Amino acid sequence: MSQTSNFREVERLVNGMPTSDGAGVKLLRVLTQDLQRRLDPFLMLDYFHSDKPGDYIAGFPEHPHRGFETVTYMLAGRMRHRDSAGNEGLLVPGGVQWMTAGRGLVHSELPEQEDGLMHGFQLWVNLPAKAKMTEPGYRDIAPDAIPQLTLAQGVEVKVIAGSTHGVDGAVHKDDTEPLYLDIVLPAGTSFTQPLPPEFNGFVYVYQGNALVGGRRQVVKERQMAILETRPERNGVIVAAGDTPTRLLLIAGRPLREPIAQWGPFVMNSREEVIQAVEDFNNGRF
């Protein structure tokens, strides 16, 4: 990993699309549906950041999912989860909720605050065809259960999934092998991460400006950098310029399967999506 020529470069910058979801929660949809095949196995990334209660107070009332996993990572704020399998949990600052919808789950995510900052992310990770109808699952990961490490020059990394610098994250998944790192870069510092050449990956900057790749492509705050995928590129380097920077580094093994999505259902064919709608409407979730 010492050779700069091995680092992936930025293929494309994405600014995201302001939208609302749930009962009117305002957010930035960074990974949109048109990028699903390029960033397989990842289906969606939403970023929310507001201290205006009207932007988030109504939350996400009961709604169904089938065929994928949702990963909610809170930086600030409190969100209550309840689902049709009887799971309940409170997502707090620094915590993660990893939910496997599998064959079907109805859940709600509602703020437990009337004011203050609500700040975080929700990532959708696809499931392989063989696991789309698996039993639903839910895991609350407390902040102190997420491994953290401090590297040279004060670089800090939270290892939500995958592994880095000999530290295993809180989550491991066999099929997609997701890597999910939250990285804090003091001004003038850098971080490198090995990445299998076949993995798809991206960087999302949510504070400051990052320099990504051997060519030090500038990635501004609230921009996503899609990393190129080439056989000879086996790692990524991210750096901060003259200001502190925070970013997510997310990557995973592509499933290379058909993607058929209708709203909260992500299957492999139109027929499977139609069946999901029927099952939900007939109370089979």
Protein backbone atom coordinates (compact mmCIF):
# COMPACT_ATOMS: atom_id res chain seq x y z
CA MET A 1 0.00 0.00 0.00
CA SER A 2 3.04 2.22 -0.01
CA GLN A 3 2.83 2.92 -3.73
CA THR A 4 0.56 5.84 -4.57
CA SER A 5 -0.20 4.21 -7.91
CA ASN A 6 -2.21 1.55 -6.08
CA PHE A 7 -4.66 4.03 -4.61
CA ARG A 8 -8.08 4.40 -6.17
CA GLU A 9 -8.91 7.73 -7.73
CA VAL A 10 -12.25 9.53 -7.70
CA GLU A 11 -14.44 8.42 -10.59
CA ARG A 12 -17.26 10.88 -10.01
CA LEU A 13 -18.53 13.45 -7.51
CA VAL A 14 -22.18 13.41 -6.40
CA ASN A 15 -23.93 16.29 -4.62
CA GLY A 16 -27.06 14.43 -3.55
CA MET A 17 -30.71 15.41 -3.87
CA PRO A 18 -32.65 17.32 -1.18
CA THR A 19 -35.89 15.46 -0.47
CA SER A 20 -38.22 14.40 2.33
CA ASP A 21 -39.28 10.97 3.52
CA GLY A 22 -41.41 9.41 6.21
CA ALA A 23 -43.83 12.02 7.57
CA GLY A 24 -41.91 14.90 6.01
CA VAL A 25 -38.40 14.46 7.40
CA LYS A 26 -36.05 16.66 5.39
CA LEU A 27 -32.86 14.99 4.25
CA LEU A 28 -30.23 14.78 1.54
CA ARG A 29 -30.45 11.60 -0.56
CA VAL A 30 -26.83 11.02 -1.48
CA LEU A 31 -26.95 7.53 -3.00
CA THR A 32 -29.93 7.60 -5.33
CA GLN A 33 -31.63 4.76 -7.21
CA ASP A 34 -29.73 5.43 -10.45
CA LEU A 35 -26.46 4.61 -8.64
CA GLN A 36 -27.56 1.24 -7.23
CA ARG A 37 -25.88 -0.89 -9.89
CA ARG A 38 -22.69 1.16 -9.84
CA LEU A 39 -22.43 0.99 -6.03
CA ASP A 40 -23.81 -2.56 -5.57
CA PRO A 41 -24.44 -3.83 -2.84
CA PHE A 42 -25.48 -0.39 -1.53
CA LEU A 43 -28.97 0.82 -2.43
CA MET A 44 -29.36 4.20 -0.73
CA LEU A 45 -27.64 6.66 1.60
CA ASP A 46 -29.58 9.45 3.29
CA TYR A 47 -27.98 12.24 5.33
CA PHE A 48 -30.01 14.27 7.81
CA HIS A 49 -28.78 17.32 9.69
CA SER A 50 -31.13 19.87 11.21
CA ASP A 51 -31.75 21.70 14.46
CA LYS A 52 -35.23 22.77 13.29
CA PRO A 53 -37.84 20.46 14.86
CA GLY A 54 -40.19 20.95 11.91
CA ASP A 55 -37.63 19.20 9.69
CA TYR A 56 -37.69 15.95 11.66
CA ILE A 57 -40.26 15.89 14.48
CA ALA A 58 -42.85 13.72 12.68
CA GLY A 59 -40.24 11.01 12.05
CA PHE A 60 -40.89 7.82 10.15
CA PRO A 61 -44.22 6.25 11.20
CA GLU A 62 -44.92 2.57 10.56
CA HIS A 63 -43.75 1.38 7.14
CA PRO A 64 -42.70 -1.97 5.65
CA HIS A 65 -39.43 -3.32 4.22
CA ARG A 66 -38.42 -6.55 2.47
CA GLY A 67 -35.25 -7.83 0.87
CA PHE A 68 -32.44 -5.70 2.33
CA GLU A 69 -30.85 -4.22 5.46
CA THR A 70 -31.09 -0.73 6.92
CA VAL A 71 -28.20 0.77 8.87
CA THR A 72 -28.95 3.92 10.86
CA TYR A 73 -26.02 5.78 12.42
CA MET A 74 -26.76 8.67 14.76
CA LEU A 75 -24.31 11.50 15.38
CA ALA A 76 -26.75 13.64 17.39
CA GLY A 77 -30.34 13.15 18.52
CA ARG A 78 -32.47 10.29 19.79
CA MET A 79 -34.68 7.98 17.73
CA ARG A 80 -37.02 5.25 19.01
CA HIS A 81 -37.33 2.05 16.95
CA ARG A 82 -40.27 -0.36 17.15
CA ASP A 83 -41.06 -3.20 14.75
CA SER A 84 -43.55 -5.96 14.03
CA ALA A 85 -41.17 -8.64 15.35
CA GLY A 86 -41.46 -7.11 18.82
CA ASN A 87 -38.08 -5.36 18.82
CA GLU A 88 -37.71 -1.96 20.44
CA GLY A 89 -34.65 0.20 20.96
CA LEU A 90 -33.50 3.75 21.48
CA LEU A 91 -30.88 5.01 19.06
CA VAL A 92 -28.62 7.53 20.82
CA PRO A 93 -25.72 9.74 19.65
CA GLY A 94 -22.87 7.57 18.43
CA GLY A 95 -25.07 4.46 18.22
CA VAL A 96 -26.00 2.26 15.27
CA GLN A 97 -29.12 0.27 14.46
CA TRP A 98 -28.60 -2.60 12.01
CA MET A 99 -31.92 -4.05 10.85
CA THR A 100 -32.34 -6.99 8.50
CA ALA A 101 -35.77 -6.73 6.89
CA GLY A 102 -35.48 -10.16 5.28
CA ARG A 103 -38.87 -11.60 4.30
CA GLY A 104 -40.74 -8.68 5.77
CA LEU A 105 -40.86 -6.26 8.66
CA VAL A 106 -42.97 -3.24 9.59
CA HIS A 107 -41.21 -0.67 11.75
CA SER A 108 -41.30 2.92 12.92
CA GLU A 109 -38.50 5.34 13.75
CA LEU A 110 -39.69 8.32 15.78
CA PRO A 111 -37.65 11.12 17.37
CA GLU A 112 -37.53 11.20 21.17
CA GLN A 113 -36.78 14.91 21.34
CA GLU A 114 -38.79 18.03 20.73
CA ASP A 115 -35.89 20.30 19.88
CA GLY A 116 -32.14 20.24 19.34
CA LEU A 117 -29.98 18.76 16.61
CA MET A 118 -30.92 15.61 14.68
CA HIS A 119 -27.88 14.42 12.74
CA GLY A 120 -27.01 11.13 11.12
CA PHE A 121 -27.22 8.69 8.24
CA GLN A 122 -29.27 5.80 6.96
CA LEU A 123 -27.66 3.32 4.59
CA TRP A 124 -29.48 0.53 2.74
CA VAL A 125 -27.47 -2.63 2.07
CA ASN A 126 -28.84 -5.21 -0.35
CA LEU A 127 -29.28 -8.87 0.56
CA PRO A 128 -28.36 -11.68 -1.85
CA ALA A 129 -31.22 -13.58 -3.49
CA LYS A 130 -30.64 -16.55 -1.18
CA ALA A 131 -31.19 -14.37 1.90
CA LYS A 132 -33.98 -12.02 0.83
CA MET A 133 -36.63 -14.16 2.51
CA THR A 134 -34.64 -14.84 5.65
CA GLU A 135 -36.06 -14.21 9.11
CA PRO A 136 -36.01 -10.52 10.05
CA GLY A 137 -33.35 -9.40 12.50
CA TYR A 138 -32.53 -6.33 14.54
CA ARG A 139 -29.48 -5.21 16.46
CA ASP A 140 -28.94 -2.08 18.55
CA ILE A 141 -25.24 -1.25 18.80
CA ALA A 142 -24.42 1.08 21.68
CA PRO A 143 -21.73 3.74 21.15
CA ASP A 144 -19.29 1.98 23.49
CA ALA A 145 -19.73 -1.28 21.55
CA ILE A 146 -18.33 0.25 18.37
CA PRO A 147 -14.54 -0.22 18.26
CA GLN A 148 -12.52 2.98 17.91
CA LEU A 149 -8.85 3.55 17.27
CA THR A 150 -6.55 6.53 17.25
CA LEU A 151 -3.73 6.48 14.71
CA ALA A 152 -0.67 8.66 14.19
CA GLN A 153 -1.25 12.41 14.06
CA GLY A 154 -4.54 12.06 15.94
CA VAL A 155 -6.60 10.42 13.18
CA GLU A 156 -9.64 8.77 14.82
CA VAL A 157 -11.66 5.93 13.28
CA LYS A 158 -14.92 4.32 14.37
CA VAL A 159 -15.17 0.82 12.91
CA ILE A 160 -18.88 0.18 12.44
CA ALA A 161 -18.44 -2.73 10.00
CA GLY A 162 -15.51 -4.56 8.46
CA SER A 163 -11.98 -4.10 9.77
CA THR A 164 -9.14 -1.62 9.59
CA HIS A 165 -5.57 -1.54 10.89
CA GLY A 166 -6.08 -4.85 12.70
CA VAL A 167 -9.30 -3.78 14.43
CA ASP A 168 -12.54 -5.65 13.71
CA GLY A 169 -15.74 -3.63 13.57
CA ALA A 170 -19.01 -4.15 15.39
CA VAL A 171 -20.62 -5.89 12.39
CA HIS A 172 -19.50 -8.55 9.92
CA LYS A 173 -21.59 -9.83 7.02
CA ASP A 174 -20.43 -12.76 4.91
CA ASP A 175 -22.01 -12.02 1.53
CA THR A 176 -21.48 -8.29 1.08
CA GLU A 177 -18.56 -7.87 3.53
CA PRO A 178 -19.39 -4.21 4.17
CA LEU A 179 -16.76 -1.77 5.37
CA TYR A 180 -18.24 1.21 7.24
CA LEU A 181 -15.78 3.65 8.80
CA ASP A 182 -16.37 7.07 10.35
CA ILE A 183 -13.06 8.92 10.12
CA VAL A 184 -11.93 12.12 11.85
CA LEU A 185 -8.94 13.77 10.17
CA PRO A 186 -7.18 16.67 11.89
CA ALA A 187 -5.89 19.32 9.50
CA GLY A 188 -3.01 18.07 7.37
CA THR A 189 -3.42 14.37 8.21
CA SER A 190 -4.25 11.34 6.06
CA PHE A 191 -5.63 7.80 6.36
CA THR A 192 -5.12 4.76 4.12
CA GLN A 193 -7.27 1.67 3.84
CA PRO A 194 -6.69 -1.53 1.84
CA LEU A 195 -9.68 -2.31 -0.37
CA PRO A 196 -10.11 -5.43 -2.51
CA PRO A 197 -10.06 -4.35 -6.18
CA GLU A 198 -13.48 -5.88 -6.86
CA PHE A 199 -15.24 -3.99 -4.05
CA ASN A 200 -17.37 -0.95 -4.84
CA GLY A 201 -16.81 2.00 -2.55
CA PHE A 202 -17.39 5.66 -1.88
CA VAL A 203 -16.44 8.48 0.46
CA TYR A 204 -18.96 10.92 1.93
CA VAL A 205 -17.61 14.13 3.47
CA TYR A 206 -19.85 15.67 6.13
CA GLN A 207 -17.46 18.18 7.67
CA GLY A 208 -14.67 20.13 6.02
CA ASN A 209 -13.07 19.24 2.68
CA ALA A 210 -11.25 16.01 1.89
CA LEU A 211 -8.48 15.17 -0.56
CA VAL A 212 -9.13 11.71 -2.03
CA GLY A 213 -6.85 9.46 -4.06
CA GLY A 214 -3.28 9.79 -5.19
CA ARG A 215 -4.25 12.84 -7.23
CA ARG A 216 -5.76 14.46 -4.11
CA GLN A 217 -9.13 15.20 -5.67
CA VAL A 218 -10.94 17.83 -3.58
CA VAL A 219 -14.24 16.52 -2.19
CA LYS A 220 -16.26 19.24 -0.53
CA GLU A 221 -18.59 19.07 2.45
CA ARG A 222 -21.82 17.22 1.59
CA GLN A 223 -20.28 15.61 -1.47
CA MET A 224 -19.90 11.91 -2.21
CA ALA A 225 -16.89 10.65 -4.14
CA ILE A 226 -17.46 7.40 -6.01
CA LEU A 227 -14.17 5.47 -6.06
CA GLU A 228 -13.01 3.92 -9.32
CA THR A 229 -12.97 0.12 -9.54
CA ARG A 230 -9.92 -1.21 -11.38
CA PRO A 231 -7.99 -4.50 -10.96
CA GLU A 232 -4.70 -2.79 -10.08
CA ARG A 233 -6.21 -0.42 -7.47
CA ASN A 234 -6.19 -2.08 -4.05
CA GLY A 235 -6.62 0.73 -1.56
CA VAL A 236 -7.82 4.24 -0.85
CA ILE A 237 -6.21 7.29 0.72
CA VAL A 238 -8.13 10.21 2.21
CA ALA A 239 -6.62 13.38 3.65
CA ALA A 240 -7.63 16.67 5.22
CA GLY A 241 -6.40 19.99 3.93
CA ASP A 242 -5.92 22.94 6.26
CA THR A 243 -9.14 22.30 8.23
CA PRO A 244 -10.36 19.30 10.27
CA THR A 245 -12.45 16.88 8.21
CA ARG A 246 -14.97 14.14 9.00
CA LEU A 247 -16.08 11.57 6.48
CA LEU A 248 -17.52 8.13 5.95
CA LEU A 249 -15.66 5.48 3.99
CA ILE A 250 -18.05 2.76 2.83
CA ALA A 251 -17.29 -0.21 0.59
CA GLY A 252 -18.52 -3.74 -0.04
CA ARG A 253 -18.48 -6.80 -2.25
CA PRO A 254 -20.97 -6.46 -5.14
CA LEU A 255 -23.69 -9.10 -5.40
CA ARG A 256 -24.03 -8.75 -9.20
CA GLU A 257 -27.69 -9.79 -9.10
CA PRO A 258 -30.75 -8.15 -10.67
CA ILE A 259 -32.26 -5.31 -8.62
CA ALA A 260 -36.03 -4.78 -8.68
CA GLN A 261 -37.21 -2.02 -6.34
CA TRP A 262 -40.60 -0.56 -5.61
CA GLY A 263 -40.40 1.82 -2.67
CA PRO A 264 -39.53 -0.15 0.48
CA PHE A 265 -39.29 -3.52 -1.29
CA VAL A 266 -36.04 -4.58 -3.02
CA MET A 267 -36.12 -7.95 -4.73
CA ASN A 268 -34.62 -9.60 -7.83
CA SER A 269 -37.66 -9.54 -10.13
CA ARG A 270 -40.87 -7.62 -10.75
CA GLU A 271 -42.87 -10.70 -9.79
CA GLU A 272 -41.16 -10.86 -6.39
CA VAL A 273 -41.94 -7.20 -5.79
CA ILE A 274 -45.60 -7.76 -6.66
CA GLN A 275 -45.65 -10.69 -4.23
CA ALA A 276 -44.11 -8.47 -1.53
CA VAL A 277 -46.88 -5.88 -2.01
CA GLU A 278 -49.54 -8.60 -1.82
CA ASP A 279 -48.00 -10.13 1.28
CA PHE A 280 -47.85 -6.76 3.01
CA ASN A 281 -51.42 -5.83 2.05
CA ASN A 282 -52.64 -9.19 3.35
CA GLY A 283 -50.88 -8.85 6.71
CA ARG A 284 -48.22 -11.50 6.10
CA PHE A 285 -45.30 -9.39 7.35
